[in-house]
Amino acid sequence: MYTEKEMRRKIRRTKQTIFNHSGIDILVTHSPARGYGDMDDLPHRGFECFNELMERCHPAYMLHGHVHATYGKRFKRVIDHPSGTRIINGYEKYILEVDESKIGTMTRGTVLKRLFGAFL
């Protein structure tokens, strides 16, 4: 578990990479953003710095997990953020059909490479 301060530091360290790649089209995290699909207890509380990152970079999508549908009635699979980002809880499984018109200048292959490149 990271603290808010530790997660902010991680985001600051990626600032140059984000700039070099002309921003973020799809943000993939483990935890949700604070107030958008999170819970009030400490282990399931989202990060405020993710909200700030979405406000600055306006990714088309944010995919997260960590909060499961079995945790209660408040579970929402898809939430729209004020930044224009569509937040999706990928609990269990979720098929994302990417609206390529929302993905800047990236090609479909680039989207997949950025999403899965670290795992190839």
N, C-alpha and C. Protein backbone atom coordinates (compact mmCIF):
# COMPACT_ATOMS: atom_id res chain seq x y z
N MET A 1 0.83 -1.18 0.00
CA MET A 1 0.00 0.00 0.00
C MET A 1 0.88 1.25 0.00
N TYR A 2 0.58 2.15 -0.89
CA TYR A 2 1.28 3.41 -0.97
C TYR A 2 0.47 4.49 -0.26
N THR A 3 1.17 5.46 0.28
CA THR A 3 0.50 6.63 0.82
C THR A 3 0.26 7.61 -0.34
N GLU A 4 -0.57 8.61 -0.10
CA GLU A 4 -0.79 9.64 -1.11
C GLU A 4 0.53 10.29 -1.51
N LYS A 5 1.37 10.58 -0.53
CA LYS A 5 2.66 11.22 -0.79
C LYS A 5 3.55 10.34 -1.67
N GLU A 6 3.60 9.05 -1.38
CA GLU A 6 4.41 8.13 -2.17
C GLU A 6 3.89 8.03 -3.62
N MET A 7 2.57 8.00 -3.79
CA MET A 7 2.01 7.92 -5.14
C MET A 7 2.28 9.20 -5.92
N ARG A 8 2.18 10.34 -5.26
CA ARG A 8 2.51 11.62 -5.91
C ARG A 8 3.95 11.60 -6.41
N ARG A 9 4.84 11.07 -5.60
CA ARG A 9 6.25 10.98 -5.98
C ARG A 9 6.42 10.10 -7.21
N LYS A 10 5.70 8.98 -7.26
CA LYS A 10 5.77 8.10 -8.42
C LYS A 10 5.29 8.82 -9.69
N ILE A 11 4.23 9.60 -9.56
CA ILE A 11 3.72 10.34 -10.72
C ILE A 11 4.72 11.40 -11.16
N ARG A 12 5.31 12.12 -10.20
CA ARG A 12 6.32 13.14 -10.54
C ARG A 12 7.48 12.53 -11.31
N ARG A 13 7.87 11.32 -10.93
CA ARG A 13 8.99 10.64 -11.60
C ARG A 13 8.67 10.27 -13.04
N THR A 14 7.40 10.17 -13.38
CA THR A 14 7.02 9.80 -14.75
C THR A 14 6.71 11.03 -15.61
N LYS A 15 6.82 12.22 -15.05
CA LYS A 15 6.45 13.45 -15.77
C LYS A 15 7.17 13.55 -17.11
N GLN A 16 8.46 13.28 -17.16
CA GLN A 16 9.22 13.39 -18.41
C GLN A 16 8.75 12.35 -19.43
N THR A 17 8.48 11.15 -18.97
CA THR A 17 7.98 10.11 -19.88
C THR A 17 6.63 10.50 -20.45
N ILE A 18 5.75 11.04 -19.62
CA ILE A 18 4.44 11.50 -20.08
C ILE A 18 4.63 12.59 -21.14
N PHE A 19 5.51 13.53 -20.88
CA PHE A 19 5.79 14.61 -21.84
C PHE A 19 6.36 14.05 -23.14
N ASN A 20 7.32 13.13 -23.04
CA ASN A 20 7.96 12.56 -24.22
C ASN A 20 6.97 11.79 -25.11
N HIS A 21 5.91 11.27 -24.51
CA HIS A 21 4.91 10.51 -25.27
C HIS A 21 3.66 11.35 -25.55
N SER A 22 3.76 12.65 -25.43
CA SER A 22 2.66 13.58 -25.72
C SER A 22 1.43 13.32 -24.88
N GLY A 23 1.62 12.94 -23.63
CA GLY A 23 0.50 12.78 -22.71
C GLY A 23 0.13 11.33 -22.45
N ILE A 24 -1.09 11.15 -21.97
CA ILE A 24 -1.61 9.82 -21.62
C ILE A 24 -2.95 9.64 -22.30
N ASP A 25 -3.11 8.53 -23.00
CA ASP A 25 -4.41 8.22 -23.60
C ASP A 25 -5.19 7.25 -22.73
N ILE A 26 -4.48 6.28 -22.15
CA ILE A 26 -5.12 5.29 -21.28
C ILE A 26 -4.27 5.15 -20.03
N LEU A 27 -4.85 5.47 -18.89
CA LEU A 27 -4.17 5.38 -17.60
C LEU A 27 -4.59 4.08 -16.94
N VAL A 28 -3.63 3.22 -16.62
CA VAL A 28 -3.91 1.94 -15.98
C VAL A 28 -3.29 1.95 -14.59
N THR A 29 -4.12 1.74 -13.57
CA THR A 29 -3.65 1.73 -12.19
C THR A 29 -4.25 0.54 -11.46
N HIS A 30 -3.74 0.27 -10.29
CA HIS A 30 -4.34 -0.77 -9.46
C HIS A 30 -5.51 -0.16 -8.67
N SER A 31 -5.24 0.94 -8.01
CA SER A 31 -6.24 1.60 -7.17
C SER A 31 -7.03 2.63 -7.96
N PRO A 32 -8.24 2.95 -7.52
CA PRO A 32 -9.03 3.99 -8.19
C PRO A 32 -8.59 5.39 -7.77
N ALA A 33 -9.19 6.37 -8.42
CA ALA A 33 -9.01 7.76 -8.02
C ALA A 33 -9.91 8.04 -6.82
N ARG A 34 -9.49 8.95 -5.96
CA ARG A 34 -10.28 9.29 -4.77
C ARG A 34 -11.63 9.85 -5.20
N GLY A 35 -12.70 9.23 -4.68
CA GLY A 35 -14.05 9.69 -4.95
C GLY A 35 -14.68 9.09 -6.19
N TYR A 36 -13.95 8.25 -6.91
CA TYR A 36 -14.46 7.67 -8.16
C TYR A 36 -14.24 6.16 -8.16
N GLY A 37 -15.13 5.47 -7.49
CA GLY A 37 -15.04 4.01 -7.45
C GLY A 37 -14.27 3.47 -6.26
N ASP A 38 -13.87 4.35 -5.35
CA ASP A 38 -13.13 3.88 -4.18
C ASP A 38 -14.08 3.69 -3.00
N MET A 39 -13.52 3.37 -1.85
CA MET A 39 -14.30 3.20 -0.63
C MET A 39 -13.67 4.07 0.46
N ASP A 40 -14.34 4.19 1.59
CA ASP A 40 -13.85 5.05 2.67
C ASP A 40 -12.78 4.42 3.54
N ASP A 41 -12.71 3.09 3.60
CA ASP A 41 -11.70 2.47 4.45
C ASP A 41 -10.32 2.62 3.81
N LEU A 42 -9.30 2.73 4.64
CA LEU A 42 -7.95 3.05 4.18
C LEU A 42 -7.44 2.12 3.07
N PRO A 43 -7.60 0.80 3.19
CA PRO A 43 -7.05 -0.05 2.13
C PRO A 43 -7.71 0.14 0.76
N HIS A 44 -8.93 0.67 0.73
CA HIS A 44 -9.65 0.82 -0.54
C HIS A 44 -9.87 2.28 -0.93
N ARG A 45 -9.21 3.18 -0.23
CA ARG A 45 -9.33 4.62 -0.53
C ARG A 45 -8.49 4.91 -1.77
N GLY A 46 -9.07 5.65 -2.70
CA GLY A 46 -8.37 6.01 -3.92
C GLY A 46 -7.39 7.15 -3.70
N PHE A 47 -6.67 7.49 -4.75
CA PHE A 47 -5.64 8.53 -4.68
C PHE A 47 -6.12 9.83 -5.31
N GLU A 48 -6.01 10.91 -4.57
CA GLU A 48 -6.36 12.24 -5.08
C GLU A 48 -5.44 12.64 -6.22
N CYS A 49 -4.18 12.22 -6.16
CA CYS A 49 -3.23 12.58 -7.21
C CYS A 49 -3.64 12.01 -8.57
N PHE A 50 -4.43 10.93 -8.60
CA PHE A 50 -4.94 10.41 -9.88
C PHE A 50 -5.95 11.40 -10.47
N ASN A 51 -6.77 12.03 -9.62
CA ASN A 51 -7.70 13.06 -10.10
C ASN A 51 -6.93 14.21 -10.73
N GLU A 52 -5.87 14.64 -10.06
CA GLU A 52 -5.07 15.75 -10.56
C GLU A 52 -4.39 15.38 -11.88
N LEU A 53 -3.92 14.15 -11.98
CA LEU A 53 -3.29 13.68 -13.21
C LEU A 53 -4.30 13.67 -14.36
N MET A 54 -5.52 13.22 -14.09
CA MET A 54 -6.56 13.22 -15.14
C MET A 54 -6.93 14.64 -15.55
N GLU A 55 -6.96 15.56 -14.59
CA GLU A 55 -7.26 16.96 -14.90
C GLU A 55 -6.18 17.58 -15.78
N ARG A 56 -4.93 17.20 -15.56
CA ARG A 56 -3.82 17.75 -16.34
C ARG A 56 -3.68 17.09 -17.71
N CYS A 57 -3.83 15.78 -17.76
CA CYS A 57 -3.50 15.03 -18.98
C CYS A 57 -4.71 14.60 -19.80
N HIS A 58 -5.88 14.58 -19.22
CA HIS A 58 -7.12 14.21 -19.91
C HIS A 58 -7.04 12.90 -20.68
N PRO A 59 -6.64 11.81 -20.03
CA PRO A 59 -6.66 10.54 -20.76
C PRO A 59 -8.10 10.17 -21.12
N ALA A 60 -8.26 9.44 -22.20
CA ALA A 60 -9.61 9.01 -22.60
C ALA A 60 -10.19 8.03 -21.59
N TYR A 61 -9.33 7.15 -21.06
CA TYR A 61 -9.78 6.10 -20.16
C TYR A 61 -8.83 5.96 -18.98
N MET A 62 -9.38 5.58 -17.83
CA MET A 62 -8.61 5.14 -16.68
C MET A 62 -9.15 3.77 -16.33
N LEU A 63 -8.28 2.78 -16.30
CA LEU A 63 -8.66 1.42 -15.91
C LEU A 63 -8.05 1.12 -14.56
N HIS A 64 -8.86 0.63 -13.64
CA HIS A 64 -8.35 0.26 -12.32
C HIS A 64 -9.03 -1.01 -11.85
N GLY A 65 -8.55 -1.53 -10.77
CA GLY A 65 -9.15 -2.70 -10.13
C GLY A 65 -9.30 -2.41 -8.65
N HIS A 66 -8.93 -3.37 -7.85
CA HIS A 66 -8.84 -3.25 -6.40
C HIS A 66 -10.18 -3.23 -5.66
N VAL A 67 -11.20 -2.59 -6.20
CA VAL A 67 -12.51 -2.56 -5.53
C VAL A 67 -13.42 -3.52 -6.27
N HIS A 68 -13.84 -4.56 -5.56
CA HIS A 68 -14.61 -5.64 -6.18
C HIS A 68 -16.11 -5.43 -6.03
N ALA A 69 -16.86 -5.97 -6.97
CA ALA A 69 -18.32 -5.87 -6.95
C ALA A 69 -18.89 -6.53 -5.69
N THR A 70 -18.20 -7.49 -5.16
CA THR A 70 -18.68 -8.21 -3.98
C THR A 70 -18.57 -7.39 -2.70
N TYR A 71 -17.96 -6.20 -2.78
CA TYR A 71 -17.78 -5.38 -1.59
C TYR A 71 -19.02 -4.60 -1.19
N GLY A 72 -20.02 -4.52 -2.05
CA GLY A 72 -21.24 -3.82 -1.66
C GLY A 72 -22.01 -3.24 -2.82
N LYS A 73 -23.11 -2.60 -2.49
CA LYS A 73 -24.03 -2.07 -3.49
C LYS A 73 -23.51 -0.82 -4.19
N ARG A 74 -22.50 -0.17 -3.64
CA ARG A 74 -21.99 1.06 -4.23
C ARG A 74 -21.11 0.82 -5.45
N PHE A 75 -20.84 -0.42 -5.77
CA PHE A 75 -19.96 -0.75 -6.89
C PHE A 75 -20.52 -0.20 -8.20
N LYS A 76 -19.69 0.55 -8.92
CA LYS A 76 -20.05 1.03 -10.25
C LYS A 76 -18.93 0.63 -11.20
N ARG A 77 -19.29 0.02 -12.30
CA ARG A 77 -18.31 -0.44 -13.28
C ARG A 77 -17.71 0.73 -14.06
N VAL A 78 -18.54 1.69 -14.46
CA VAL A 78 -18.08 2.80 -15.29
C VAL A 78 -18.54 4.12 -14.68
N ILE A 79 -17.60 5.07 -14.57
CA ILE A 79 -17.90 6.39 -14.02
C ILE A 79 -17.21 7.42 -14.92
N ASP A 80 -17.91 8.49 -15.24
CA ASP A 80 -17.30 9.56 -16.02
C ASP A 80 -16.73 10.62 -15.07
N HIS A 81 -15.48 10.95 -15.27
CA HIS A 81 -14.77 11.94 -14.46
C HIS A 81 -14.98 13.33 -15.08
N PRO A 82 -15.00 14.39 -14.27
CA PRO A 82 -15.17 15.75 -14.81
C PRO A 82 -14.12 16.14 -15.86
N SER A 83 -12.97 15.50 -15.86
CA SER A 83 -11.92 15.80 -16.83
C SER A 83 -12.25 15.27 -18.22
N GLY A 84 -13.30 14.45 -18.31
CA GLY A 84 -13.65 13.82 -19.58
C GLY A 84 -13.17 12.38 -19.66
N THR A 85 -12.42 11.94 -18.67
CA THR A 85 -11.91 10.57 -18.63
C THR A 85 -13.03 9.61 -18.23
N ARG A 86 -13.15 8.52 -18.92
CA ARG A 86 -14.07 7.47 -18.54
C ARG A 86 -13.31 6.50 -17.65
N ILE A 87 -13.74 6.37 -16.39
CA ILE A 87 -13.08 5.50 -15.41
C ILE A 87 -13.79 4.15 -15.42
N ILE A 88 -13.02 3.09 -15.58
CA ILE A 88 -13.58 1.74 -15.67
C ILE A 88 -12.94 0.85 -14.62
N ASN A 89 -13.78 0.22 -13.80
CA ASN A 89 -13.30 -0.76 -12.83
C ASN A 89 -13.23 -2.10 -13.56
N GLY A 90 -12.03 -2.61 -13.71
CA GLY A 90 -11.82 -3.85 -14.45
C GLY A 90 -11.96 -5.10 -13.61
N TYR A 91 -12.62 -4.99 -12.46
CA TYR A 91 -12.80 -6.15 -11.58
C TYR A 91 -13.27 -7.36 -12.38
N GLU A 92 -12.69 -8.49 -12.08
CA GLU A 92 -12.96 -9.78 -12.70
C GLU A 92 -12.59 -9.76 -14.18
N LYS A 93 -13.35 -9.09 -15.01
CA LYS A 93 -12.98 -8.91 -16.42
C LYS A 93 -13.84 -7.79 -16.99
N TYR A 94 -13.30 -7.16 -18.02
CA TYR A 94 -14.03 -6.10 -18.70
C TYR A 94 -13.46 -6.00 -20.11
N ILE A 95 -14.32 -6.00 -21.09
CA ILE A 95 -13.88 -5.84 -22.47
C ILE A 95 -14.03 -4.37 -22.83
N LEU A 96 -12.92 -3.74 -23.09
CA LEU A 96 -12.91 -2.32 -23.44
C LEU A 96 -12.83 -2.19 -24.95
N GLU A 97 -13.84 -1.58 -25.51
CA GLU A 97 -13.81 -1.26 -26.93
C GLU A 97 -13.36 0.19 -27.01
N VAL A 98 -12.12 0.39 -27.44
CA VAL A 98 -11.51 1.71 -27.46
C VAL A 98 -12.10 2.53 -28.60
N ASP A 99 -12.60 3.70 -28.25
CA ASP A 99 -13.08 4.67 -29.23
C ASP A 99 -11.83 5.37 -29.75
N GLU A 100 -11.37 4.96 -30.93
CA GLU A 100 -10.11 5.47 -31.45
C GLU A 100 -10.13 6.96 -31.71
N SER A 101 -11.30 7.56 -31.83
CA SER A 101 -11.37 9.01 -32.02
C SER A 101 -10.96 9.75 -30.76
N LYS A 102 -10.94 9.05 -29.61
CA LYS A 102 -10.54 9.67 -28.34
C LYS A 102 -9.07 9.43 -28.01
N ILE A 103 -8.36 8.75 -28.89
CA ILE A 103 -7.00 8.33 -28.58
C ILE A 103 -5.98 9.17 -29.34
N GLY A 104 -6.06 10.46 -29.24
CA GLY A 104 -5.04 11.35 -29.80
C GLY A 104 -4.57 10.91 -31.16
N THR A 105 -3.27 10.87 -31.34
CA THR A 105 -2.69 10.51 -32.63
C THR A 105 -2.15 9.09 -32.64
N MET A 106 -2.40 8.34 -31.58
CA MET A 106 -1.85 6.99 -31.50
C MET A 106 -2.61 6.03 -32.42
N THR A 107 -1.89 5.08 -32.97
CA THR A 107 -2.52 4.02 -33.75
C THR A 107 -2.94 2.91 -32.79
N ARG A 108 -3.77 2.02 -33.26
CA ARG A 108 -4.21 0.90 -32.43
C ARG A 108 -3.03 0.09 -31.91
N GLY A 109 -2.02 -0.14 -32.77
CA GLY A 109 -0.84 -0.89 -32.36
C GLY A 109 -0.08 -0.20 -31.25
N THR A 110 -0.01 1.14 -31.30
CA THR A 110 0.68 1.89 -30.27
C THR A 110 -0.06 1.80 -28.95
N VAL A 111 -1.40 1.84 -29.00
CA VAL A 111 -2.20 1.70 -27.79
C VAL A 111 -1.87 0.36 -27.13
N LEU A 112 -1.88 -0.70 -27.90
CA LEU A 112 -1.61 -2.03 -27.35
C LEU A 112 -0.19 -2.13 -26.83
N LYS A 113 0.75 -1.54 -27.56
CA LYS A 113 2.14 -1.58 -27.12
C LYS A 113 2.30 -0.86 -25.80
N ARG A 114 1.67 0.31 -25.64
CA ARG A 114 1.77 1.05 -24.38
C ARG A 114 1.10 0.32 -23.24
N LEU A 115 -0.03 -0.34 -23.54
CA LEU A 115 -0.74 -1.07 -22.49
C LEU A 115 0.03 -2.31 -22.06
N PHE A 116 0.55 -3.04 -23.02
CA PHE A 116 1.12 -4.35 -22.72
C PHE A 116 2.62 -4.47 -22.94
N GLY A 117 3.25 -3.40 -23.40
CA GLY A 117 4.67 -3.44 -23.72
C GLY A 117 5.53 -3.89 -22.56
N ALA A 118 5.19 -3.47 -21.36
CA ALA A 118 5.99 -3.85 -20.18
C ALA A 118 5.88 -5.34 -19.88
N PHE A 119 4.86 -5.98 -20.44
CA PHE A 119 4.65 -7.39 -20.13
C PHE A 119 5.13 -8.30 -21.26
N LEU A 120 5.55 -7.73 -22.40
CA LEU A 120 5.98 -8.54 -23.55
C LEU A 120 7.42 -8.94 -23.46
